[in-house]
Amino acid sequence: MRLSVYDALQMSKELRKALIQVLMDPDDHKDQVDPIQVDEVLSSPLNRCAACMACITFSDEDLQLGSANHNRPLYVTGRIGDKRIDRILLDCGSAVNLLPLRVLRAIVIVPNQLSPTLLMIQGFNQVGQKALGTIALKVELDNLYTDALFHVIDANTSYNALLGRPWLPTSRAIASTLHQCLKYTDEHGNEKRIQGDANPFHGEDVNYADVKFYKSADSGTSQVLLAQEKDNQKEKPKALTFPQKFIRVVNSYASEAKEYQAP
């Protein structure tokens, strides 16, 4: 581990005093730190410095829809508990991780296994709904293995699970709805990408608002892009049509005008 003079100057006053003391009497402190333990701490994926995370980048090559404008949420597929779950919504704006009661039952967990909670979930309409309880579950997305604390709700949601702000920092992952993917770094510092689901509803006939943002199972064309095309196409003005009687009257006056102007 190397420490530059600039790094030392950025330390707090207490750390600088401790560093000066160690430099003045190095023999008294050389055996207090095990270099093997230091390497283990630095190699742990949960203790990597912020500079290591800066290697995560997004480029135009990551754009799932290319240059097309879209308003898609980011859905991925993974495993929660021992069950394969699709339509896992990654929502950076949610303060909690949510799991619908129907999915909890699909994982073969009964509600009496939940830990009690007093949390009230509020939506955009400010209508509150009390969570049934909380449960910690294993979450596996591709080769990203994490734990998540879910608040269970009894509601008809478009998602089968929602991973919000509590999960994203602990997983050391960065989600991009623009690029429709999730990126993280493995234990070796290599950048990994998890692609978002291109058609999470699989053509199901459901009344969720998010369905319109995805490809139709019949046409294979994004409905939202078609809607934008229709909005952008301006209706051409129709040609004016007149009754034949009116046209004959106009022509009659035109003939009279010509006769009057003739020398």
C-alpha atoms as a PDB file:
ATOM      1  CA  MET A   1       0.000   0.000   0.000  1.00  0.00           C
ATOM      2  CA  ARG A   2       1.516   3.344  -1.068  1.00  0.00           C
ATOM      3  CA  LEU A   3       0.819   6.702   0.534  1.00  0.00           C
ATOM      4  CA  SER A   4       1.754   9.946  -1.185  1.00  0.00           C
ATOM      5  CA  VAL A   5       2.475  13.265   0.513  1.00  0.00           C
ATOM      6  CA  TYR A   6      -0.779  14.592  -0.933  1.00  0.00           C
ATOM      7  CA  ASP A   7      -2.699  11.703   0.629  1.00  0.00           C
ATOM      8  CA  ALA A   8      -1.106  12.431   3.974  1.00  0.00           C
ATOM      9  CA  LEU A   9      -2.088  16.099   3.754  1.00  0.00           C
ATOM     10  CA  GLN A  10      -5.696  15.119   3.097  1.00  0.00           C
ATOM     11  CA  MET A  11      -5.880  13.190   6.379  1.00  0.00           C
ATOM     12  CA  SER A  12      -7.582  14.530   9.461  1.00  0.00           C
ATOM     13  CA  LYS A  13      -5.514  16.250  12.153  1.00  0.00           C
ATOM     14  CA  GLU A  14      -5.601  13.171  14.412  1.00  0.00           C
ATOM     15  CA  LEU A  15      -4.442  10.849  11.624  1.00  0.00           C
ATOM     16  CA  ARG A  16      -1.603  13.190  10.683  1.00  0.00           C
ATOM     17  CA  LYS A  17      -0.379  13.210  14.293  1.00  0.00           C
ATOM     18  CA  ALA A  18      -0.516   9.413  14.418  1.00  0.00           C
ATOM     19  CA  LEU A  19       1.374   9.179  11.116  1.00  0.00           C
ATOM     20  CA  ILE A  20       4.096  11.514  12.364  1.00  0.00           C
ATOM     21  CA  GLN A  21       4.458   9.426  15.507  1.00  0.00           C
ATOM     22  CA  VAL A  22       4.790   6.227  13.473  1.00  0.00           C
ATOM     23  CA  LEU A  23       7.385   7.807  11.183  1.00  0.00           C
ATOM     24  CA  MET A  24       9.420   8.984  14.175  1.00  0.00           C
ATOM     25  CA  ASP A  25       9.413   5.535  15.833  1.00  0.00           C
ATOM     26  CA  PRO A  26       8.836   2.971  13.082  1.00  0.00           C
ATOM     27  CA  ASP A  27      10.361   0.085  15.047  1.00  0.00           C
ATOM     28  CA  ASP A  28       7.719   0.430  17.775  1.00  0.00           C
ATOM     29  CA  HIS A  29       4.842   0.046  15.302  1.00  0.00           C
ATOM     30  CA  LYS A  30       6.052  -2.301  12.559  1.00  0.00           C
ATOM     31  CA  ASP A  31       4.659  -5.420  14.241  1.00  0.00           C
ATOM     32  CA  GLN A  32       1.240  -3.974  15.045  1.00  0.00           C
ATOM     33  CA  VAL A  33      -0.125  -4.314  11.512  1.00  0.00           C
ATOM     34  CA  ASP A  34      -0.271  -7.657   9.760  1.00  0.00           C
ATOM     35  CA  PRO A  35       0.309  -7.078   6.008  1.00  0.00           C
ATOM     36  CA  ILE A  36      -1.682 -10.213   5.170  1.00  0.00           C
ATOM     37  CA  GLN A  37      -4.739  -8.843   6.967  1.00  0.00           C
ATOM     38  CA  VAL A  38      -4.360  -5.530   5.166  1.00  0.00           C
ATOM     39  CA  ASP A  39      -4.352  -7.309   1.781  1.00  0.00           C
ATOM     40  CA  GLU A  40      -7.469  -9.264   2.748  1.00  0.00           C
ATOM     41  CA  VAL A  41      -9.318  -6.084   3.692  1.00  0.00           C
ATOM     42  CA  LEU A  42      -8.321  -4.287   0.508  1.00  0.00           C
ATOM     43  CA  SER A  43      -9.245  -7.251  -1.688  1.00  0.00           C
ATOM     44  CA  SER A  44     -12.754  -7.548  -0.214  1.00  0.00           C
ATOM     45  CA  PRO A  45     -15.379  -6.330  -2.732  1.00  0.00           C
ATOM     46  CA  LEU A  46     -17.271  -4.529   0.034  1.00  0.00           C
ATOM     47  CA  ASN A  47     -14.199  -2.534   1.100  1.00  0.00           C
ATOM     48  CA  ARG A  48     -12.935  -1.330  -2.249  1.00  0.00           C
ATOM     49  CA  CYS A  49     -12.251   2.356  -2.416  1.00  0.00           C
ATOM     50  CA  ALA A  50     -14.379   4.782  -4.383  1.00  0.00           C
ATOM     51  CA  ALA A  51     -11.626   5.151  -6.961  1.00  0.00           C
ATOM     52  CA  CYS A  52     -12.058   1.497  -7.934  1.00  0.00           C
ATOM     53  CA  MET A  53     -15.745   2.084  -8.613  1.00  0.00           C
ATOM     54  CA  ALA A  54     -14.897   4.844 -11.083  1.00  0.00           C
ATOM     55  CA  CYS A  55     -14.066   2.175 -13.676  1.00  0.00           C
ATOM     56  CA  ILE A  56     -17.797   1.599 -14.285  1.00  0.00           C
ATOM     57  CA  THR A  57     -18.746   3.470 -17.438  1.00  0.00           C
ATOM     58  CA  PHE A  58     -21.697   3.584 -19.816  1.00  0.00           C
ATOM     59  CA  SER A  59     -21.320   4.221 -23.528  1.00  0.00           C
ATOM     60  CA  ASP A  60     -23.508   4.234 -26.631  1.00  0.00           C
ATOM     61  CA  GLU A  61     -22.620   0.572 -27.119  1.00  0.00           C
ATOM     62  CA  ASP A  62     -24.642  -0.213 -23.976  1.00  0.00           C
ATOM     63  CA  LEU A  63     -27.821   1.374 -25.349  1.00  0.00           C
ATOM     64  CA  GLN A  64     -30.325  -1.448 -25.714  1.00  0.00           C
ATOM     65  CA  LEU A  65     -32.609   0.602 -27.970  1.00  0.00           C
ATOM     66  CA  GLY A  66     -29.880   2.444 -29.817  1.00  0.00           C
ATOM     67  CA  SER A  67     -30.597   6.123 -30.403  1.00  0.00           C
ATOM     68  CA  ALA A  68     -34.371   5.771 -29.944  1.00  0.00           C
ATOM     69  CA  ASN A  69     -35.967   7.816 -27.189  1.00  0.00           C
ATOM     70  CA  HIS A  70     -37.848   5.741 -24.636  1.00  0.00           C
ATOM     71  CA  ASN A  71     -39.431   5.872 -21.196  1.00  0.00           C
ATOM     72  CA  ARG A  72     -38.876   2.281 -20.142  1.00  0.00           C
ATOM     73  CA  PRO A  73     -38.325   1.269 -16.529  1.00  0.00           C
ATOM     74  CA  LEU A  74     -35.499  -1.177 -15.886  1.00  0.00           C
ATOM     75  CA  TYR A  75     -36.647  -4.769 -15.349  1.00  0.00           C
ATOM     76  CA  VAL A  76     -34.240  -7.695 -14.906  1.00  0.00           C
ATOM     77  CA  THR A  77     -34.583 -11.422 -14.256  1.00  0.00           C
ATOM     78  CA  GLY A  78     -32.874 -13.236 -11.400  1.00  0.00           C
ATOM     79  CA  ARG A  79     -33.379 -15.515  -8.438  1.00  0.00           C
ATOM     80  CA  ILE A  80     -34.873 -14.524  -5.103  1.00  0.00           C
ATOM     81  CA  GLY A  81     -34.572 -17.233  -2.515  1.00  0.00           C
ATOM     82  CA  ASP A  82     -34.617 -20.414  -4.569  1.00  0.00           C
ATOM     83  CA  LYS A  83     -37.135 -19.178  -7.126  1.00  0.00           C
ATOM     84  CA  ARG A  84     -36.478 -17.711 -10.562  1.00  0.00           C
ATOM     85  CA  ILE A  85     -38.239 -14.347 -10.680  1.00  0.00           C
ATOM     86  CA  ASP A  86     -38.764 -12.139 -13.731  1.00  0.00           C
ATOM     87  CA  ARG A  87     -39.885  -8.504 -13.752  1.00  0.00           C
ATOM     88  CA  ILE A  88     -37.535  -7.422 -10.953  1.00  0.00           C
ATOM     89  CA  LEU A  89     -37.778  -3.634 -11.064  1.00  0.00           C
ATOM     90  CA  LEU A  90     -34.648  -1.603 -10.281  1.00  0.00           C
ATOM     91  CA  ASP A  91     -35.896   1.716  -8.918  1.00  0.00           C
ATOM     92  CA  CYS A  92     -33.375   4.269  -7.685  1.00  0.00           C
ATOM     93  CA  GLY A  93     -36.231   6.432  -6.391  1.00  0.00           C
ATOM     94  CA  SER A  94     -37.667   3.895  -3.960  1.00  0.00           C
ATOM     95  CA  ALA A  95     -36.646   4.176  -0.306  1.00  0.00           C
ATOM     96  CA  VAL A  96     -37.445   0.488   0.380  1.00  0.00           C
ATOM     97  CA  ASN A  97     -37.249  -2.898  -1.319  1.00  0.00           C
ATOM     98  CA  LEU A  98     -40.727  -4.293  -1.969  1.00  0.00           C
ATOM     99  CA  LEU A  99     -42.037  -7.795  -2.490  1.00  0.00           C
ATOM    100  CA  PRO A 100     -45.703  -8.516  -3.315  1.00  0.00           C
ATOM    101  CA  LEU A 101     -47.451 -11.104  -1.169  1.00  0.00           C
ATOM    102  CA  ARG A 102     -48.180 -13.291  -4.215  1.00  0.00           C
ATOM    103  CA  VAL A 103     -44.444 -13.628  -4.917  1.00  0.00           C
ATOM    104  CA  LEU A 104     -43.720 -14.402  -1.265  1.00  0.00           C
ATOM    105  CA  ARG A 105     -46.150 -17.312  -1.505  1.00  0.00           C
ATOM    106  CA  ALA A 106     -44.565 -18.437  -4.786  1.00  0.00           C
ATOM    107  CA  ILE A 107     -41.233 -18.656  -2.955  1.00  0.00           C
ATOM    108  CA  VAL A 108     -43.067 -20.925  -0.485  1.00  0.00           C
ATOM    109  CA  ILE A 109     -42.828 -18.549   2.464  1.00  0.00           C
ATOM    110  CA  VAL A 110     -45.879 -17.962   4.634  1.00  0.00           C
ATOM    111  CA  PRO A 111     -46.696 -14.528   6.090  1.00  0.00           C
ATOM    112  CA  ASN A 112     -46.196 -15.645   9.696  1.00  0.00           C
ATOM    113  CA  GLN A 113     -42.467 -15.990   8.928  1.00  0.00           C
ATOM    114  CA  LEU A 114     -42.211 -12.216   8.424  1.00  0.00           C
ATOM    115  CA  SER A 115     -40.671  -9.898  10.974  1.00  0.00           C
ATOM    116  CA  PRO A 116     -43.086  -7.239  12.232  1.00  0.00           C
ATOM    117  CA  THR A 117     -42.793  -3.654  11.004  1.00  0.00           C
ATOM    118  CA  LEU A 118     -44.651  -0.399  11.497  1.00  0.00           C
ATOM    119  CA  LEU A 119     -43.613   1.055   8.151  1.00  0.00           C
ATOM    120  CA  MET A 120     -46.350   2.676   6.087  1.00  0.00           C
ATOM    121  CA  ILE A 121     -45.779   2.572   2.320  1.00  0.00           C
ATOM    122  CA  GLN A 122     -47.001   5.660   0.469  1.00  0.00           C
ATOM    123  CA  GLY A 123     -47.420   6.036  -3.275  1.00  0.00           C
ATOM    124  CA  PHE A 124     -47.817   9.061  -5.517  1.00  0.00           C
ATOM    125  CA  ASN A 125     -51.425   9.486  -4.436  1.00  0.00           C
ATOM    126  CA  GLN A 126     -50.289   9.739  -0.791  1.00  0.00           C
ATOM    127  CA  VAL A 127     -52.515   6.791   0.107  1.00  0.00           C
ATOM    128  CA  GLY A 128     -50.734   4.768   2.764  1.00  0.00           C
ATOM    129  CA  GLN A 129     -50.542   0.991   2.954  1.00  0.00           C
ATOM    130  CA  LYS A 130     -49.060  -0.802   5.929  1.00  0.00           C
ATOM    131  CA  ALA A 131     -46.404  -3.355   5.124  1.00  0.00           C
ATOM    132  CA  LEU A 132     -47.227  -6.901   6.228  1.00  0.00           C
ATOM    133  CA  GLY A 133     -43.698  -7.398   7.509  1.00  0.00           C
ATOM    134  CA  THR A 134     -40.070  -7.697   6.445  1.00  0.00           C
ATOM    135  CA  ILE A 135     -37.875 -10.576   5.365  1.00  0.00           C
ATOM    136  CA  ALA A 136     -34.232 -10.875   4.282  1.00  0.00           C
ATOM    137  CA  LEU A 137     -33.727 -12.961   1.142  1.00  0.00           C
ATOM    138  CA  LYS A 138     -30.855 -13.960  -1.104  1.00  0.00           C
ATOM    139  CA  VAL A 139     -30.871 -12.119  -4.439  1.00  0.00           C
ATOM    140  CA  GLU A 140     -28.956 -13.491  -7.410  1.00  0.00           C
ATOM    141  CA  LEU A 141     -28.670 -11.461 -10.603  1.00  0.00           C
ATOM    142  CA  ASP A 142     -26.411 -13.228 -13.077  1.00  0.00           C
ATOM    143  CA  ASN A 143     -23.170 -13.604 -11.065  1.00  0.00           C
ATOM    144  CA  LEU A 144     -24.032 -10.847  -8.584  1.00  0.00           C
ATOM    145  CA  TYR A 145     -24.909 -12.433  -5.236  1.00  0.00           C
ATOM    146  CA  THR A 146     -26.384 -10.172  -2.574  1.00  0.00           C
ATOM    147  CA  ASP A 147     -28.880 -10.033   0.280  1.00  0.00           C
ATOM    148  CA  ALA A 148     -31.886  -7.727   0.404  1.00  0.00           C
ATOM    149  CA  LEU A 149     -34.356  -6.800   3.121  1.00  0.00           C
ATOM    150  CA  PHE A 150     -37.832  -6.725   1.580  1.00  0.00           C
ATOM    151  CA  HIS A 151     -40.999  -5.107   2.871  1.00  0.00           C
ATOM    152  CA  VAL A 152     -43.909  -7.323   1.868  1.00  0.00           C
ATOM    153  CA  ILE A 153     -47.096  -5.677   0.626  1.00  0.00           C
ATOM    154  CA  ASP A 154     -50.448  -7.080  -0.473  1.00  0.00           C
ATOM    155  CA  ALA A 155     -50.916  -5.206  -3.744  1.00  0.00           C
ATOM    156  CA  ASN A 156     -51.360  -5.817  -7.455  1.00  0.00           C
ATOM    157  CA  THR A 157     -48.091  -4.473  -8.843  1.00  0.00           C
ATOM    158  CA  SER A 158     -46.564  -4.556 -12.315  1.00  0.00           C
ATOM    159  CA  TYR A 159     -43.312  -5.828 -10.786  1.00  0.00           C
ATOM    160  CA  ASN A 160     -42.657  -9.129  -9.038  1.00  0.00           C
ATOM    161  CA  ALA A 161     -39.997  -7.525  -6.856  1.00  0.00           C
ATOM    162  CA  LEU A 162     -38.625  -4.024  -6.447  1.00  0.00           C
ATOM    163  CA  LEU A 163     -35.010  -3.305  -5.541  1.00  0.00           C
ATOM    164  CA  GLY A 164     -34.573   0.298  -4.459  1.00  0.00           C
ATOM    165  CA  ARG A 165     -31.984   2.549  -2.878  1.00  0.00           C
ATOM    166  CA  PRO A 166     -31.272   0.249   0.112  1.00  0.00           C
ATOM    167  CA  TRP A 167     -30.073  -2.505  -2.232  1.00  0.00           C
ATOM    168  CA  LEU A 168     -28.150  -0.576  -4.903  1.00  0.00           C
ATOM    169  CA  PRO A 169     -25.352   0.839  -2.661  1.00  0.00           C
ATOM    170  CA  THR A 170     -24.811  -2.444  -0.801  1.00  0.00           C
ATOM    171  CA  SER A 171     -24.578  -4.348  -4.081  1.00  0.00           C
ATOM    172  CA  ARG A 172     -22.057  -1.841  -5.434  1.00  0.00           C
ATOM    173  CA  ALA A 173     -24.071  -1.750  -8.643  1.00  0.00           C
ATOM    174  CA  ILE A 174     -25.126   1.138 -10.878  1.00  0.00           C
ATOM    175  CA  ALA A 175     -28.376   0.984 -12.829  1.00  0.00           C
ATOM    176  CA  SER A 176     -29.106   2.972 -15.990  1.00  0.00           C
ATOM    177  CA  THR A 177     -32.657   3.119 -17.322  1.00  0.00           C
ATOM    178  CA  LEU A 178     -31.338   4.972 -20.381  1.00  0.00           C
ATOM    179  CA  HIS A 179     -29.033   2.097 -21.318  1.00  0.00           C
ATOM    180  CA  GLN A 180     -31.402  -0.561 -19.917  1.00  0.00           C
ATOM    181  CA  CYS A 181     -28.694  -2.386 -17.999  1.00  0.00           C
ATOM    182  CA  LEU A 182     -27.054  -2.773 -14.605  1.00  0.00           C
ATOM    183  CA  LYS A 183     -23.296  -2.682 -14.093  1.00  0.00           C
ATOM    184  CA  TYR A 184     -21.055  -3.760 -11.244  1.00  0.00           C
ATOM    185  CA  THR A 185     -17.462  -4.836 -10.627  1.00  0.00           C
ATOM    186  CA  ASP A 186     -16.465  -8.332  -9.558  1.00  0.00           C
ATOM    187  CA  GLU A 187     -13.896  -9.263  -6.901  1.00  0.00           C
ATOM    188  CA  HIS A 188     -11.106  -8.677  -9.428  1.00  0.00           C
ATOM    189  CA  GLY A 189     -12.316  -5.202 -10.354  1.00  0.00           C
ATOM    190  CA  ASN A 190     -13.647  -6.271 -13.755  1.00  0.00           C
ATOM    191  CA  GLU A 191     -16.719  -4.494 -15.057  1.00  0.00           C
ATOM    192  CA  LYS A 192     -19.774  -6.712 -15.475  1.00  0.00           C
ATOM    193  CA  ARG A 193     -23.088  -5.946 -17.163  1.00  0.00           C
ATOM    194  CA  ILE A 194     -26.579  -7.336 -16.584  1.00  0.00           C
ATOM    195  CA  GLN A 195     -28.876  -6.616 -19.496  1.00  0.00           C
ATOM    196  CA  GLY A 196     -32.413  -5.412 -18.842  1.00  0.00           C
ATOM    197  CA  ASP A 197     -35.357  -7.474 -20.038  1.00  0.00           C
ATOM    198  CA  ALA A 198     -36.378  -6.404 -23.547  1.00  0.00           C
ATOM    199  CA  ASN A 199     -39.897  -7.790 -23.121  1.00  0.00           C
ATOM    200  CA  PRO A 200     -40.623  -8.444 -19.436  1.00  0.00           C
ATOM    201  CA  PHE A 201     -44.385  -8.907 -19.897  1.00  0.00           C
ATOM    202  CA  HIS A 202     -43.976 -11.574 -22.630  1.00  0.00           C
ATOM    203  CA  GLY A 203     -47.027 -10.362 -24.525  1.00  0.00           C
ATOM    204  CA  GLU A 204     -49.358 -10.913 -21.566  1.00  0.00           C
ATOM    205  CA  ASP A 205     -52.728  -9.184 -21.756  1.00  0.00           C
ATOM    206  CA  VAL A 206     -52.433  -7.130 -18.576  1.00  0.00           C
ATOM    207  CA  ASN A 207     -53.546  -3.629 -17.707  1.00  0.00           C
ATOM    208  CA  TYR A 208     -50.270  -2.361 -16.266  1.00  0.00           C
ATOM    209  CA  ALA A 209     -49.168   1.071 -17.448  1.00  0.00           C
ATOM    210  CA  ASP A 210     -45.631  -0.153 -18.195  1.00  0.00           C
ATOM    211  CA  VAL A 211     -46.817  -2.621 -20.850  1.00  0.00           C
ATOM    212  CA  LYS A 212     -47.139   0.085 -23.500  1.00  0.00           C
ATOM    213  CA  PHE A 213     -43.394   0.768 -23.326  1.00  0.00           C
ATOM    214  CA  TYR A 214     -42.470  -2.706 -24.551  1.00  0.00           C
ATOM    215  CA  LYS A 215     -42.685  -4.702 -27.739  1.00  0.00           C
ATOM    216  CA  SER A 216     -45.964  -6.238 -28.718  1.00  0.00           C
ATOM    217  CA  ALA A 217     -45.878 -10.006 -28.963  1.00  0.00           C
ATOM    218  CA  ASP A 218     -47.782  -9.852 -32.281  1.00  0.00           C
ATOM    219  CA  SER A 219     -45.992  -7.110 -34.192  1.00  0.00           C
ATOM    220  CA  GLY A 220     -42.611  -7.174 -32.467  1.00  0.00           C
ATOM    221  CA  THR A 221     -42.573  -3.360 -32.645  1.00  0.00           C
ATOM    222  CA  SER A 222     -42.333  -1.086 -29.654  1.00  0.00           C
ATOM    223  CA  GLN A 223     -45.735   0.427 -29.014  1.00  0.00           C
ATOM    224  CA  VAL A 224     -44.291   3.514 -27.420  1.00  0.00           C
ATOM    225  CA  LEU A 225     -42.179   4.262 -30.503  1.00  0.00           C
ATOM    226  CA  LEU A 226     -45.205   3.798 -32.736  1.00  0.00           C
ATOM    227  CA  ALA A 227     -47.188   6.193 -30.571  1.00  0.00           C
ATOM    228  CA  GLN A 228     -44.420   8.779 -30.813  1.00  0.00           C
ATOM    229  CA  GLU A 229     -44.337   8.377 -34.602  1.00  0.00           C
ATOM    230  CA  LYS A 230     -48.065   8.997 -34.849  1.00  0.00           C
ATOM    231  CA  ASP A 231     -47.758  12.090 -32.676  1.00  0.00           C
ATOM    232  CA  ASN A 232     -44.921  13.448 -34.812  1.00  0.00           C
ATOM    233  CA  GLN A 233     -46.690  12.901 -38.114  1.00  0.00           C
ATOM    234  CA  LYS A 234     -48.658  16.013 -38.950  1.00  0.00           C
ATOM    235  CA  GLU A 235     -51.963  15.496 -40.688  1.00  0.00           C
ATOM    236  CA  LYS A 236     -51.832  16.850 -44.205  1.00  0.00           C
ATOM    237  CA  PRO A 237     -54.458  19.532 -44.940  1.00  0.00           C
ATOM    238  CA  LYS A 238     -57.288  18.240 -47.069  1.00  0.00           C
ATOM    239  CA  ALA A 239     -57.957  19.820 -50.475  1.00  0.00           C
ATOM    240  CA  LEU A 240     -60.929  22.183 -50.548  1.00  0.00           C
ATOM    241  CA  THR A 241     -63.905  20.891 -52.514  1.00  0.00           C
ATOM    242  CA  PHE A 242     -66.772  22.966 -53.822  1.00  0.00           C
ATOM    243  CA  PRO A 243     -70.155  21.991 -55.211  1.00  0.00           C
ATOM    244  CA  GLN A 244     -70.326  21.851 -58.998  1.00  0.00           C
ATOM    245  CA  LYS A 245     -73.041  24.576 -59.016  1.00  0.00           C
ATOM    246  CA  PHE A 246     -70.707  26.981 -57.226  1.00  0.00           C
ATOM    247  CA  ILE A 247     -67.914  26.264 -59.686  1.00  0.00           C
ATOM    248  CA  ARG A 248     -70.203  27.040 -62.681  1.00  0.00           C
ATOM    249  CA  VAL A 249     -71.192  30.386 -61.115  1.00  0.00           C
ATOM    250  CA  VAL A 250     -67.562  31.358 -60.589  1.00  0.00           C
ATOM    251  CA  ASN A 251     -66.671  30.413 -64.159  1.00  0.00           C
ATOM    252  CA  SER A 252     -69.624  32.461 -65.412  1.00  0.00           C
ATOM    253  CA  TYR A 253     -68.414  35.570 -63.606  1.00  0.00           C
ATOM    254  CA  ALA A 254     -64.906  34.976 -64.940  1.00  0.00           C
ATOM    255  CA  SER A 255     -66.235  34.861 -68.523  1.00  0.00           C
ATOM    256  CA  GLU A 256     -68.148  38.093 -68.028  1.00  0.00           C
ATOM    257  CA  ALA A 257     -65.032  39.747 -66.616  1.00  0.00           C
ATOM    258  CA  LYS A 258     -63.050  38.743 -69.668  1.00  0.00           C
ATOM    259  CA  GLU A 259     -65.714  40.117 -72.006  1.00  0.00           C
ATOM    260  CA  TYR A 260     -65.830  43.429 -70.120  1.00  0.00           C
ATOM    261  CA  GLN A 261     -62.052  43.875 -70.196  1.00  0.00           C
ATOM    262  CA  ALA A 262     -61.814  43.119 -73.887  1.00  0.00           C
ATOM    263  CA  PRO A 263     -61.143  46.205 -76.096  1.00  0.00           C
END
